[in-house]
């Protein structure tokens, strides 16, 4: 209407930075921090019945109990155990480089170059069953950049695929939480996309989405 402010949003397609570079850096960072976190947790956990007090002891316990690795191995545990410590220069550089590539040279650059206020993307594909033979189905997610950068990432209901819910992500620069919440709320009010879960035995009768 004439005289009224415009409503809605203008979408501008952007190309994210090379995710493999950040993934490789984060792989080291996560392994180092996982080992440190698990060791700290096990060392301080209260129950006296807990005999495994380090990641190394946890790996040994799993190896001695085949039922613990019946569905999944412990490759991540082994890689983390072999990683350096929190003061290692390689770890510290990888952490700083990943944060820089994901934040100032990632999200901030995307927002600036495209002259947009926020990044939006599908939060991920619909949920899948656990496949013991082929593994889980992974369709990707935009969560890596904000997680590594430490920037806010809001997900709200967007719709359904074969009866399974999918979300829409709102990603902004540092300290933009208030604006993201405002935009996410506006989207929710406009779409009313959320529906209460019904826990069906199958989804739209499709064997590909059987819930087991």
N, C-alpha and C. Protein backbone atom coordinates (compact mmCIF):
# COMPACT_ATOMS: atom_id res chain seq x y z
N UNK A 1 0.84 -1.19 0.00
CA UNK A 1 0.00 0.00 0.00
C UNK A 1 0.88 1.24 0.00
N UNK A 2 0.37 2.31 -0.69
CA UNK A 2 1.12 3.56 -0.77
C UNK A 2 1.26 4.16 0.62
N UNK A 3 2.44 4.64 0.92
CA UNK A 3 2.67 5.30 2.20
C UNK A 3 3.00 4.34 3.32
N UNK A 4 2.92 3.01 3.06
CA UNK A 4 3.22 2.03 4.08
C UNK A 4 4.65 1.52 3.90
N UNK A 5 5.35 1.21 5.01
CA UNK A 5 6.71 0.68 4.89
C UNK A 5 6.68 -0.69 4.24
N UNK A 6 7.73 -1.07 3.48
CA UNK A 6 7.76 -2.38 2.83
C UNK A 6 7.86 -3.50 3.86
N UNK A 7 7.31 -4.66 3.51
CA UNK A 7 7.36 -5.82 4.38
C UNK A 7 8.06 -6.96 3.65
N UNK A 8 8.43 -7.99 4.41
CA UNK A 8 9.08 -9.14 3.82
C UNK A 8 10.59 -8.99 3.81
N UNK A 9 11.24 -9.83 3.02
CA UNK A 9 12.69 -9.83 2.98
C UNK A 9 13.18 -10.00 1.55
N UNK A 10 14.36 -9.47 1.29
CA UNK A 10 15.01 -9.65 -0.01
C UNK A 10 16.15 -10.65 0.19
N UNK A 11 16.11 -11.76 -0.56
CA UNK A 11 17.12 -12.80 -0.43
C UNK A 11 18.24 -12.58 -1.44
N UNK A 12 19.47 -12.67 -0.97
CA UNK A 12 20.65 -12.54 -1.82
C UNK A 12 21.48 -13.81 -1.67
N UNK A 13 21.75 -14.49 -2.77
CA UNK A 13 22.52 -15.73 -2.69
C UNK A 13 23.99 -15.42 -2.41
N UNK A 14 24.56 -16.16 -1.47
CA UNK A 14 25.97 -15.99 -1.12
C UNK A 14 26.68 -17.34 -1.22
N UNK A 15 27.99 -17.28 -1.37
CA UNK A 15 28.80 -18.49 -1.43
C UNK A 15 29.66 -18.57 -0.18
N UNK A 16 29.43 -19.55 0.68
CA UNK A 16 30.20 -19.64 1.93
C UNK A 16 31.65 -19.97 1.66
N UNK A 17 32.53 -19.72 2.63
CA UNK A 17 33.95 -20.05 2.46
C UNK A 17 34.16 -21.56 2.38
N UNK A 18 35.34 -21.95 1.97
CA UNK A 18 35.68 -23.36 1.83
C UNK A 18 35.55 -24.05 3.19
N UNK A 19 34.55 -24.89 3.31
CA UNK A 19 34.29 -25.54 4.59
C UNK A 19 35.34 -26.56 4.97
N UNK A 20 36.01 -27.15 3.99
CA UNK A 20 36.98 -28.20 4.30
C UNK A 20 38.16 -27.64 5.09
N UNK A 21 38.59 -26.43 4.76
CA UNK A 21 39.71 -25.83 5.49
C UNK A 21 39.35 -25.68 6.96
N UNK A 22 38.17 -25.15 7.24
CA UNK A 22 37.73 -24.98 8.62
C UNK A 22 37.51 -26.32 9.29
N UNK A 23 36.92 -27.27 8.56
CA UNK A 23 36.69 -28.60 9.13
C UNK A 23 37.99 -29.27 9.54
N UNK A 24 39.02 -29.14 8.72
CA UNK A 24 40.31 -29.75 9.05
C UNK A 24 40.91 -29.12 10.30
N UNK A 25 40.82 -27.81 10.41
CA UNK A 25 41.32 -27.14 11.61
C UNK A 25 40.52 -27.54 12.84
N UNK A 26 39.21 -27.56 12.68
CA UNK A 26 38.34 -27.90 13.81
C UNK A 26 38.49 -29.35 14.24
N UNK A 27 38.87 -30.21 13.31
CA UNK A 27 39.06 -31.62 13.66
C UNK A 27 40.12 -31.75 14.76
N UNK A 28 41.22 -31.02 14.59
CA UNK A 28 42.27 -31.04 15.61
C UNK A 28 41.77 -30.38 16.90
N UNK A 29 41.13 -29.22 16.77
CA UNK A 29 40.65 -28.49 17.94
C UNK A 29 39.69 -29.35 18.77
N UNK A 30 38.74 -29.98 18.10
CA UNK A 30 37.74 -30.79 18.81
C UNK A 30 38.37 -31.99 19.49
N UNK A 31 39.34 -32.63 18.84
CA UNK A 31 39.99 -33.79 19.45
C UNK A 31 40.74 -33.39 20.73
N UNK A 32 41.49 -32.28 20.63
CA UNK A 32 42.25 -31.82 21.80
C UNK A 32 41.31 -31.46 22.94
N UNK A 33 40.27 -30.70 22.65
CA UNK A 33 39.35 -30.25 23.71
C UNK A 33 38.49 -31.39 24.22
N UNK A 34 38.20 -32.35 23.36
CA UNK A 34 37.44 -33.53 23.82
C UNK A 34 38.24 -34.30 24.85
N UNK A 35 39.51 -34.56 24.55
CA UNK A 35 40.34 -35.29 25.51
C UNK A 35 40.44 -34.55 26.84
N UNK A 36 40.69 -33.25 26.77
CA UNK A 36 40.82 -32.46 28.00
C UNK A 36 39.51 -32.46 28.79
N UNK A 37 38.39 -32.30 28.09
CA UNK A 37 37.10 -32.26 28.76
C UNK A 37 36.72 -33.59 29.40
N UNK A 38 36.93 -34.67 28.67
CA UNK A 38 36.60 -36.00 29.21
C UNK A 38 37.48 -36.33 30.41
N UNK A 39 38.77 -36.04 30.30
CA UNK A 39 39.68 -36.31 31.42
C UNK A 39 39.27 -35.51 32.66
N UNK A 40 38.92 -34.24 32.46
CA UNK A 40 38.52 -33.40 33.60
C UNK A 40 37.23 -33.91 34.22
N UNK A 41 36.28 -34.31 33.37
CA UNK A 41 35.00 -34.81 33.89
C UNK A 41 35.18 -36.12 34.66
N UNK A 42 35.89 -37.07 34.08
CA UNK A 42 36.06 -38.36 34.73
C UNK A 42 36.86 -38.24 36.02
N UNK A 43 37.82 -37.32 36.05
CA UNK A 43 38.64 -37.16 37.25
C UNK A 43 37.84 -36.61 38.42
N UNK A 44 36.78 -35.87 38.12
CA UNK A 44 36.03 -35.21 39.19
C UNK A 44 34.65 -35.79 39.44
N UNK A 45 34.23 -36.80 38.67
CA UNK A 45 32.90 -37.36 38.86
C UNK A 45 32.80 -38.03 40.22
N UNK A 46 31.65 -37.91 40.85
CA UNK A 46 31.52 -38.28 42.25
C UNK A 46 31.42 -39.78 42.53
N UNK A 47 30.62 -40.56 41.84
CA UNK A 47 30.40 -41.95 42.27
C UNK A 47 31.70 -42.75 42.37
N UNK A 48 31.91 -43.37 43.50
CA UNK A 48 33.12 -44.16 43.69
C UNK A 48 33.13 -45.39 42.80
N UNK A 49 31.95 -45.81 42.35
CA UNK A 49 31.86 -47.00 41.49
C UNK A 49 32.51 -46.78 40.12
N UNK A 50 32.68 -45.53 39.73
CA UNK A 50 33.29 -45.22 38.43
C UNK A 50 34.79 -45.49 38.52
N UNK A 51 35.24 -46.49 37.77
CA UNK A 51 36.66 -46.87 37.82
C UNK A 51 37.47 -46.22 36.71
N UNK A 52 36.82 -45.86 35.63
CA UNK A 52 37.53 -45.22 34.51
C UNK A 52 37.65 -43.73 34.78
N UNK A 53 38.86 -43.26 34.99
CA UNK A 53 39.09 -41.87 35.37
C UNK A 53 39.85 -41.06 34.33
N UNK A 54 40.15 -41.68 33.19
CA UNK A 54 40.81 -40.98 32.10
C UNK A 54 40.25 -41.50 30.78
N UNK A 55 40.49 -40.77 29.71
CA UNK A 55 40.07 -41.22 28.40
C UNK A 55 40.78 -42.52 28.03
N UNK A 56 42.04 -42.64 28.39
CA UNK A 56 42.79 -43.86 28.09
C UNK A 56 42.15 -45.07 28.78
N UNK A 57 41.72 -44.90 30.02
CA UNK A 57 41.07 -46.00 30.74
C UNK A 57 39.70 -46.31 30.13
N UNK A 58 39.02 -45.29 29.62
CA UNK A 58 37.73 -45.50 28.97
C UNK A 58 37.91 -46.30 27.68
N UNK A 59 38.96 -46.00 26.93
CA UNK A 59 39.25 -46.75 25.70
C UNK A 59 39.54 -48.21 26.03
N UNK A 60 40.31 -48.44 27.08
CA UNK A 60 40.63 -49.81 27.49
C UNK A 60 39.38 -50.56 27.94
N UNK A 61 38.50 -49.87 28.65
CA UNK A 61 37.25 -50.50 29.10
C UNK A 61 36.40 -50.91 27.90
N UNK A 62 36.25 -50.01 26.93
CA UNK A 62 35.45 -50.32 25.75
C UNK A 62 36.04 -51.49 24.97
N UNK A 63 37.37 -51.54 24.89
CA UNK A 63 38.02 -52.63 24.16
C UNK A 63 37.79 -53.97 24.84
N UNK A 64 37.66 -53.94 26.16
CA UNK A 64 37.45 -55.18 26.92
C UNK A 64 35.97 -55.58 26.99
N UNK A 65 35.08 -54.70 26.58
CA UNK A 65 33.64 -54.97 26.62
C UNK A 65 33.06 -54.82 25.21
N UNK A 66 33.02 -55.89 24.43
CA UNK A 66 32.54 -55.80 23.04
C UNK A 66 31.15 -55.19 22.89
N UNK A 67 30.30 -55.34 23.88
CA UNK A 67 28.95 -54.78 23.78
C UNK A 67 28.98 -53.25 23.68
N UNK A 68 30.04 -52.62 24.18
CA UNK A 68 30.12 -51.16 24.15
C UNK A 68 30.35 -50.63 22.73
N UNK A 69 30.90 -51.46 21.86
CA UNK A 69 31.18 -51.02 20.49
C UNK A 69 30.44 -51.90 19.47
N UNK A 70 29.29 -52.42 19.87
CA UNK A 70 28.52 -53.30 18.98
C UNK A 70 28.00 -52.54 17.75
N UNK A 71 27.62 -51.28 17.92
CA UNK A 71 27.09 -50.47 16.82
C UNK A 71 28.07 -49.42 16.33
N UNK A 72 28.89 -48.90 17.21
CA UNK A 72 29.81 -47.83 16.84
C UNK A 72 31.20 -48.14 17.41
N UNK A 73 32.23 -47.80 16.66
CA UNK A 73 33.59 -47.98 17.14
C UNK A 73 34.01 -46.83 18.05
N UNK A 74 35.27 -46.76 18.38
CA UNK A 74 35.76 -45.67 19.23
C UNK A 74 36.93 -44.96 18.55
N UNK A 75 36.80 -44.79 17.23
CA UNK A 75 37.85 -44.11 16.48
C UNK A 75 38.10 -42.69 16.97
N UNK A 76 37.01 -41.99 17.32
CA UNK A 76 37.17 -40.62 17.82
C UNK A 76 37.92 -40.62 19.14
N UNK A 77 37.62 -41.57 20.01
CA UNK A 77 38.33 -41.67 21.28
C UNK A 77 39.83 -41.87 21.03
N UNK A 78 40.16 -42.76 20.12
CA UNK A 78 41.56 -43.07 19.84
C UNK A 78 42.29 -41.86 19.24
N UNK A 79 41.64 -41.17 18.33
CA UNK A 79 42.24 -39.99 17.72
C UNK A 79 42.43 -38.88 18.76
N UNK A 80 41.44 -38.72 19.65
CA UNK A 80 41.55 -37.70 20.69
C UNK A 80 42.68 -38.03 21.66
N UNK A 81 42.80 -39.29 22.02
CA UNK A 81 43.85 -39.70 22.95
C UNK A 81 45.23 -39.42 22.38
N UNK A 82 45.37 -39.54 21.06
CA UNK A 82 46.66 -39.31 20.41
C UNK A 82 46.94 -37.83 20.14
N UNK A 83 45.99 -36.95 20.40
CA UNK A 83 46.14 -35.53 20.11
C UNK A 83 46.99 -34.83 21.17
N UNK A 84 47.55 -33.64 20.86
CA UNK A 84 48.36 -32.90 21.84
C UNK A 84 47.49 -32.26 22.93
N UNK A 85 48.13 -31.49 23.80
CA UNK A 85 47.42 -30.87 24.91
C UNK A 85 46.94 -29.47 24.58
N UNK A 86 46.26 -28.85 25.56
CA UNK A 86 45.66 -27.53 25.36
C UNK A 86 46.70 -26.42 25.18
N UNK A 87 47.94 -26.65 25.59
CA UNK A 87 48.98 -25.64 25.45
C UNK A 87 49.85 -25.85 24.21
N UNK A 88 49.53 -26.84 23.41
CA UNK A 88 50.33 -27.14 22.24
C UNK A 88 50.19 -26.02 21.20
N UNK A 89 51.30 -25.52 20.63
CA UNK A 89 51.24 -24.44 19.64
C UNK A 89 50.40 -24.79 18.40
N UNK A 90 50.44 -26.04 17.98
CA UNK A 90 49.67 -26.44 16.80
C UNK A 90 48.18 -26.30 17.06
N UNK A 91 47.76 -26.73 18.25
CA UNK A 91 46.34 -26.60 18.63
C UNK A 91 45.94 -25.13 18.73
N UNK A 92 46.76 -24.32 19.38
CA UNK A 92 46.43 -22.91 19.57
C UNK A 92 46.32 -22.17 18.24
N UNK A 93 47.21 -22.49 17.30
CA UNK A 93 47.15 -21.85 15.98
C UNK A 93 45.91 -22.31 15.21
N UNK A 94 45.62 -23.61 15.27
CA UNK A 94 44.45 -24.13 14.56
C UNK A 94 43.17 -23.49 15.10
N UNK A 95 43.09 -23.31 16.40
CA UNK A 95 41.90 -22.70 17.01
C UNK A 95 41.74 -21.25 16.57
N UNK A 96 42.85 -20.50 16.57
CA UNK A 96 42.80 -19.09 16.17
C UNK A 96 42.47 -18.95 14.69
N UNK A 97 43.09 -19.80 13.86
CA UNK A 97 42.83 -19.73 12.41
C UNK A 97 41.38 -20.07 12.09
N UNK A 98 40.85 -21.11 12.74
CA UNK A 98 39.47 -21.51 12.48
C UNK A 98 38.50 -20.41 12.89
N UNK A 99 38.74 -19.79 14.03
CA UNK A 99 37.86 -18.72 14.50
C UNK A 99 37.89 -17.52 13.55
N UNK A 100 39.08 -17.20 13.04
CA UNK A 100 39.21 -16.08 12.11
C UNK A 100 38.51 -16.37 10.78
N UNK A 101 38.70 -17.58 10.26
CA UNK A 101 38.11 -17.94 8.97
C UNK A 101 36.59 -18.05 9.05
N UNK A 102 36.08 -18.47 10.20
CA UNK A 102 34.64 -18.62 10.36
C UNK A 102 33.95 -17.31 10.72
N UNK A 103 34.65 -16.45 11.47
CA UNK A 103 34.05 -15.20 11.93
C UNK A 103 34.34 -14.01 11.03
N UNK A 104 35.44 -13.28 11.28
CA UNK A 104 35.74 -12.08 10.49
C UNK A 104 35.84 -12.34 8.99
N UNK A 105 36.49 -13.44 8.59
CA UNK A 105 36.65 -13.73 7.17
C UNK A 105 35.56 -14.66 6.63
N UNK A 106 34.63 -15.05 7.50
CA UNK A 106 33.55 -15.92 7.09
C UNK A 106 32.21 -15.21 7.14
N UNK A 107 31.55 -15.27 8.29
CA UNK A 107 30.22 -14.68 8.44
C UNK A 107 30.25 -13.18 8.21
N UNK A 108 31.19 -12.48 8.84
CA UNK A 108 31.24 -11.02 8.70
C UNK A 108 31.46 -10.59 7.25
N UNK A 109 32.34 -11.30 6.56
CA UNK A 109 32.62 -10.97 5.16
C UNK A 109 31.41 -11.27 4.27
N UNK A 110 30.71 -12.37 4.53
CA UNK A 110 29.51 -12.69 3.75
C UNK A 110 28.45 -11.60 3.92
N UNK A 111 28.24 -11.16 5.15
CA UNK A 111 27.25 -10.12 5.42
C UNK A 111 27.64 -8.81 4.75
N UNK A 112 28.93 -8.47 4.84
CA UNK A 112 29.40 -7.20 4.29
C UNK A 112 29.38 -7.20 2.77
N UNK A 113 29.90 -8.27 2.16
CA UNK A 113 29.98 -8.31 0.70
C UNK A 113 28.60 -8.30 0.05
N UNK A 114 27.65 -9.02 0.67
CA UNK A 114 26.30 -9.10 0.10
C UNK A 114 25.41 -7.96 0.57
N UNK A 115 25.91 -7.16 1.52
CA UNK A 115 25.14 -6.05 2.08
C UNK A 115 23.80 -6.54 2.63
N UNK A 116 23.87 -7.59 3.44
CA UNK A 116 22.66 -8.15 4.05
C UNK A 116 22.79 -8.08 5.57
N UNK A 117 21.67 -8.25 6.23
CA UNK A 117 21.61 -8.13 7.68
C UNK A 117 21.84 -9.45 8.38
N UNK A 118 21.44 -10.55 7.74
CA UNK A 118 21.48 -11.84 8.39
C UNK A 118 21.63 -12.92 7.32
N UNK A 119 22.20 -14.05 7.69
CA UNK A 119 22.29 -15.20 6.80
C UNK A 119 21.17 -16.18 7.16
N UNK A 120 20.52 -16.72 6.15
CA UNK A 120 19.47 -17.72 6.39
C UNK A 120 19.78 -18.96 5.56
N UNK A 121 19.45 -20.11 6.10
CA UNK A 121 19.69 -21.37 5.40
C UNK A 121 18.86 -22.45 6.07
N UNK A 122 18.60 -23.52 5.35
CA UNK A 122 17.92 -24.67 5.95
C UNK A 122 18.82 -25.23 7.05
N UNK A 123 18.24 -25.47 8.22
CA UNK A 123 19.04 -25.91 9.36
C UNK A 123 19.64 -27.29 9.16
N UNK A 124 19.01 -28.09 8.35
CA UNK A 124 19.48 -29.45 8.09
C UNK A 124 18.37 -30.25 7.45
N UNK A 125 18.69 -31.43 7.01
CA UNK A 125 17.66 -32.28 6.42
C UNK A 125 16.78 -32.91 7.48
N UNK A 126 15.74 -33.62 7.07
CA UNK A 126 14.87 -34.30 8.04
C UNK A 126 15.63 -35.40 8.76
N UNK A 127 15.16 -35.75 9.95
CA UNK A 127 15.82 -36.79 10.74
C UNK A 127 15.76 -38.13 10.01
N UNK A 128 16.76 -38.97 10.26
CA UNK A 128 16.79 -40.29 9.64
C UNK A 128 17.01 -41.36 10.70
N UNK A 129 16.69 -42.59 10.34
CA UNK A 129 16.91 -43.69 11.26
C UNK A 129 18.40 -44.04 11.26
N UNK A 130 18.84 -44.74 12.30
CA UNK A 130 20.22 -45.20 12.37
C UNK A 130 20.35 -46.45 11.51
N UNK A 131 21.23 -46.40 10.54
CA UNK A 131 21.48 -47.52 9.64
C UNK A 131 22.74 -48.23 10.08
N UNK A 132 22.60 -49.45 10.58
CA UNK A 132 23.77 -50.17 11.11
C UNK A 132 24.75 -50.55 10.01
N UNK A 133 24.30 -50.62 8.77
CA UNK A 133 25.16 -51.05 7.67
C UNK A 133 25.83 -49.86 6.99
N UNK A 134 25.03 -48.86 6.61
CA UNK A 134 25.53 -47.75 5.82
C UNK A 134 25.78 -46.48 6.62
N UNK A 135 25.42 -46.49 7.90
CA UNK A 135 25.60 -45.30 8.72
C UNK A 135 24.45 -44.31 8.55
N UNK A 136 24.51 -43.22 9.27
CA UNK A 136 23.45 -42.22 9.22
C UNK A 136 23.48 -41.41 7.94
N UNK A 137 22.33 -40.87 7.58
CA UNK A 137 22.23 -40.01 6.41
C UNK A 137 22.46 -38.57 6.83
N UNK A 138 23.43 -37.91 6.24
CA UNK A 138 23.80 -36.54 6.62
C UNK A 138 23.69 -35.63 5.41
N UNK A 139 22.81 -34.63 5.49
CA UNK A 139 22.58 -33.74 4.36
C UNK A 139 23.24 -32.37 4.55
N UNK A 140 24.03 -32.23 5.61
CA UNK A 140 24.73 -30.97 5.82
C UNK A 140 23.98 -30.01 6.73
N UNK A 141 24.68 -28.98 7.18
CA UNK A 141 24.11 -27.99 8.10
C UNK A 141 24.93 -26.72 8.04
N UNK A 142 24.31 -25.56 8.25
CA UNK A 142 25.06 -24.30 8.26
C UNK A 142 25.64 -23.97 9.63
N UNK A 143 25.62 -24.92 10.55
CA UNK A 143 25.98 -24.63 11.94
C UNK A 143 27.49 -24.46 12.17
N UNK A 144 28.32 -24.94 11.25
CA UNK A 144 29.76 -24.91 11.50
C UNK A 144 30.30 -23.49 11.68
N UNK A 145 29.98 -22.59 10.75
CA UNK A 145 30.53 -21.23 10.83
C UNK A 145 30.18 -20.54 12.15
N UNK A 146 28.89 -20.45 12.54
CA UNK A 146 28.61 -19.78 13.81
C UNK A 146 29.17 -20.51 15.03
N UNK A 147 29.19 -21.84 14.97
CA UNK A 147 29.72 -22.59 16.12
C UNK A 147 31.20 -22.31 16.31
N UNK A 148 31.97 -22.30 15.22
CA UNK A 148 33.41 -22.07 15.31
C UNK A 148 33.70 -20.61 15.65
N UNK A 149 32.94 -19.70 15.06
CA UNK A 149 33.17 -18.27 15.30
C UNK A 149 32.69 -17.82 16.67
N UNK A 150 31.76 -18.56 17.26
CA UNK A 150 31.14 -18.14 18.51
C UNK A 150 30.05 -17.11 18.29
N UNK A 151 29.47 -17.11 17.10
CA UNK A 151 28.41 -16.17 16.74
C UNK A 151 27.03 -16.80 16.96
N UNK A 152 25.99 -16.00 17.12
CA UNK A 152 24.65 -16.55 17.38
C UNK A 152 24.05 -17.25 16.16
N UNK A 153 23.28 -18.30 16.45
CA UNK A 153 22.63 -19.10 15.41
C UNK A 153 21.27 -19.53 15.97
N UNK A 154 20.21 -19.03 15.36
CA UNK A 154 18.85 -19.32 15.81
C UNK A 154 18.16 -20.22 14.79
N UNK A 155 17.49 -21.26 15.26
CA UNK A 155 16.73 -22.15 14.39
C UNK A 155 15.26 -22.12 14.80
N UNK A 156 14.39 -21.99 13.80
CA UNK A 156 12.94 -21.99 14.05
C UNK A 156 12.28 -22.97 13.08
N UNK A 157 11.08 -23.47 13.41
CA UNK A 157 10.39 -24.40 12.50
C UNK A 157 10.11 -23.74 11.15
N UNK A 158 10.37 -24.52 10.07
CA UNK A 158 10.16 -23.99 8.72
C UNK A 158 9.10 -24.77 7.96
N UNK A 159 8.99 -26.07 8.19
CA UNK A 159 8.04 -26.86 7.42
C UNK A 159 8.31 -28.33 7.60
N UNK A 160 7.88 -29.14 6.62
CA UNK A 160 8.00 -30.59 6.74
C UNK A 160 8.42 -31.20 5.41
N UNK A 161 9.22 -32.26 5.51
CA UNK A 161 9.62 -33.06 4.35
C UNK A 161 9.20 -34.50 4.65
N UNK A 162 8.32 -35.05 3.83
CA UNK A 162 7.80 -36.40 4.07
C UNK A 162 7.27 -36.55 5.49
N UNK A 163 6.66 -35.48 5.99
CA UNK A 163 6.08 -35.52 7.33
C UNK A 163 7.06 -35.26 8.46
N UNK A 164 8.35 -35.07 8.14
CA UNK A 164 9.35 -34.83 9.17
C UNK A 164 9.72 -33.35 9.20
N UNK A 165 9.87 -32.77 10.39
CA UNK A 165 10.10 -31.32 10.49
C UNK A 165 11.50 -30.92 10.05
N UNK A 166 11.60 -29.74 9.44
CA UNK A 166 12.87 -29.13 9.12
C UNK A 166 12.83 -27.68 9.60
N UNK A 167 14.01 -27.12 9.88
CA UNK A 167 14.06 -25.78 10.43
C UNK A 167 14.77 -24.80 9.52
N UNK A 168 14.60 -23.52 9.83
CA UNK A 168 15.28 -22.44 9.13
C UNK A 168 16.24 -21.76 10.10
N UNK A 169 17.48 -21.59 9.67
CA UNK A 169 18.51 -20.98 10.51
C UNK A 169 18.67 -19.50 10.21
N UNK A 170 18.81 -18.72 11.26
CA UNK A 170 19.15 -17.30 11.17
C UNK A 170 20.52 -17.13 11.82
N UNK A 171 21.49 -16.65 11.05
CA UNK A 171 22.86 -16.53 11.55
C UNK A 171 23.31 -15.09 11.39
N UNK A 172 23.87 -14.53 12.46
CA UNK A 172 24.31 -13.13 12.42
C UNK A 172 25.71 -12.96 12.94
N UNK A 173 26.17 -11.73 12.97
CA UNK A 173 27.49 -11.42 13.48
C UNK A 173 27.49 -11.47 15.01
N UNK A 174 28.62 -11.19 15.61
CA UNK A 174 28.71 -11.22 17.07
C UNK A 174 27.74 -10.23 17.71
N UNK A 175 27.13 -10.64 18.79
CA UNK A 175 26.24 -9.81 19.60
C UNK A 175 24.98 -9.38 18.85
N UNK A 176 24.54 -10.17 17.88
CA UNK A 176 23.31 -9.83 17.14
C UNK A 176 22.12 -10.68 17.60
N UNK A 177 22.20 -11.23 18.81
CA UNK A 177 21.15 -12.13 19.29
C UNK A 177 19.77 -11.47 19.28
N UNK A 178 19.69 -10.23 19.73
CA UNK A 178 18.39 -9.57 19.82
C UNK A 178 17.72 -9.45 18.45
N UNK A 179 18.52 -9.10 17.45
CA UNK A 179 17.96 -8.96 16.10
C UNK A 179 17.55 -10.31 15.54
N UNK A 180 18.35 -11.35 15.77
CA UNK A 180 18.01 -12.68 15.29
C UNK A 180 16.71 -13.18 15.93
N UNK A 181 16.57 -12.95 17.22
CA UNK A 181 15.33 -13.36 17.90
C UNK A 181 14.12 -12.63 17.34
N UNK A 182 14.30 -11.36 17.02
CA UNK A 182 13.21 -10.57 16.45
C UNK A 182 12.82 -11.12 15.07
N UNK A 183 13.82 -11.41 14.24
CA UNK A 183 13.55 -11.93 12.90
C UNK A 183 12.95 -13.33 12.97
N UNK A 184 13.48 -14.15 13.85
CA UNK A 184 12.95 -15.50 13.99
C UNK A 184 11.51 -15.49 14.47
N UNK A 185 11.20 -14.60 15.40
CA UNK A 185 9.83 -14.48 15.90
C UNK A 185 8.88 -14.02 14.79
N UNK A 186 9.34 -13.06 13.99
CA UNK A 186 8.51 -12.58 12.89
C UNK A 186 8.23 -13.70 11.89
N UNK A 187 9.25 -14.51 11.61
CA UNK A 187 9.06 -15.63 10.68
C UNK A 187 8.07 -16.64 11.25
N UNK A 188 8.20 -16.95 12.53
CA UNK A 188 7.28 -17.90 13.16
C UNK A 188 5.84 -17.39 13.11
N UNK A 189 5.65 -16.12 13.38
CA UNK A 189 4.30 -15.56 13.39
C UNK A 189 3.70 -15.53 11.98
N UNK A 190 4.56 -15.33 10.98
CA UNK A 190 4.05 -15.26 9.61
C UNK A 190 3.73 -16.63 9.03
N UNK A 191 4.50 -17.65 9.44
CA UNK A 191 4.34 -18.97 8.82
C UNK A 191 3.51 -19.95 9.65
N UNK A 192 3.56 -19.83 10.98
CA UNK A 192 2.88 -20.79 11.85
C UNK A 192 3.24 -22.22 11.44
N UNK A 193 4.52 -22.46 11.19
CA UNK A 193 4.96 -23.73 10.62
C UNK A 193 5.02 -24.87 11.65
N UNK A 194 5.14 -24.54 12.91
CA UNK A 194 5.30 -25.60 13.91
C UNK A 194 4.00 -26.37 14.10
N UNK A 195 4.14 -27.70 14.19
CA UNK A 195 3.03 -28.57 14.57
C UNK A 195 3.50 -29.46 15.70
N UNK A 196 2.61 -29.78 16.62
CA UNK A 196 2.98 -30.65 17.73
C UNK A 196 3.33 -32.04 17.21
N UNK A 197 4.36 -32.69 17.77
CA UNK A 197 4.74 -34.02 17.30
C UNK A 197 3.65 -35.05 17.58
N UNK A 198 3.54 -36.03 16.68
CA UNK A 198 2.52 -37.08 16.83
C UNK A 198 3.12 -38.46 17.02
N UNK A 199 4.42 -38.62 16.82
CA UNK A 199 5.13 -39.89 17.02
C UNK A 199 4.50 -41.05 16.24
N UNK A 200 4.35 -40.91 14.91
CA UNK A 200 3.79 -42.00 14.12
C UNK A 200 4.77 -43.15 13.95
N UNK A 201 4.25 -44.33 13.66
CA UNK A 201 5.11 -45.50 13.44
C UNK A 201 5.84 -45.39 12.11
N UNK A 202 5.19 -44.77 11.11
CA UNK A 202 5.83 -44.50 9.83
C UNK A 202 5.48 -43.08 9.43
N UNK A 203 6.21 -42.54 8.46
CA UNK A 203 5.97 -41.19 7.99
C UNK A 203 5.49 -41.25 6.55
N UNK A 204 4.25 -40.85 6.33
CA UNK A 204 3.65 -40.88 4.99
C UNK A 204 3.74 -42.24 4.32
N UNK A 205 3.85 -43.31 5.14
CA UNK A 205 3.88 -44.64 4.60
C UNK A 205 5.13 -44.99 3.82
N UNK A 206 6.16 -44.15 3.89
CA UNK A 206 7.37 -44.37 3.12
C UNK A 206 8.37 -45.20 3.90
N UNK A 207 8.78 -46.37 3.37
CA UNK A 207 9.76 -47.20 4.10
C UNK A 207 11.07 -46.48 4.35
N UNK A 208 11.38 -45.49 3.50
CA UNK A 208 12.65 -44.78 3.68
C UNK A 208 12.68 -43.98 4.98
N UNK A 209 11.50 -43.70 5.52
CA UNK A 209 11.44 -42.90 6.74
C UNK A 209 10.80 -43.67 7.88
N UNK A 210 10.79 -45.00 7.80
CA UNK A 210 10.24 -45.77 8.91
C UNK A 210 10.96 -45.44 10.20
N UNK A 211 10.22 -45.28 11.25
CA UNK A 211 10.81 -44.97 12.56
C UNK A 211 10.93 -46.29 13.33
N UNK A 212 12.15 -46.69 13.62
CA UNK A 212 12.39 -47.97 14.27
C UNK A 212 13.07 -47.79 15.61
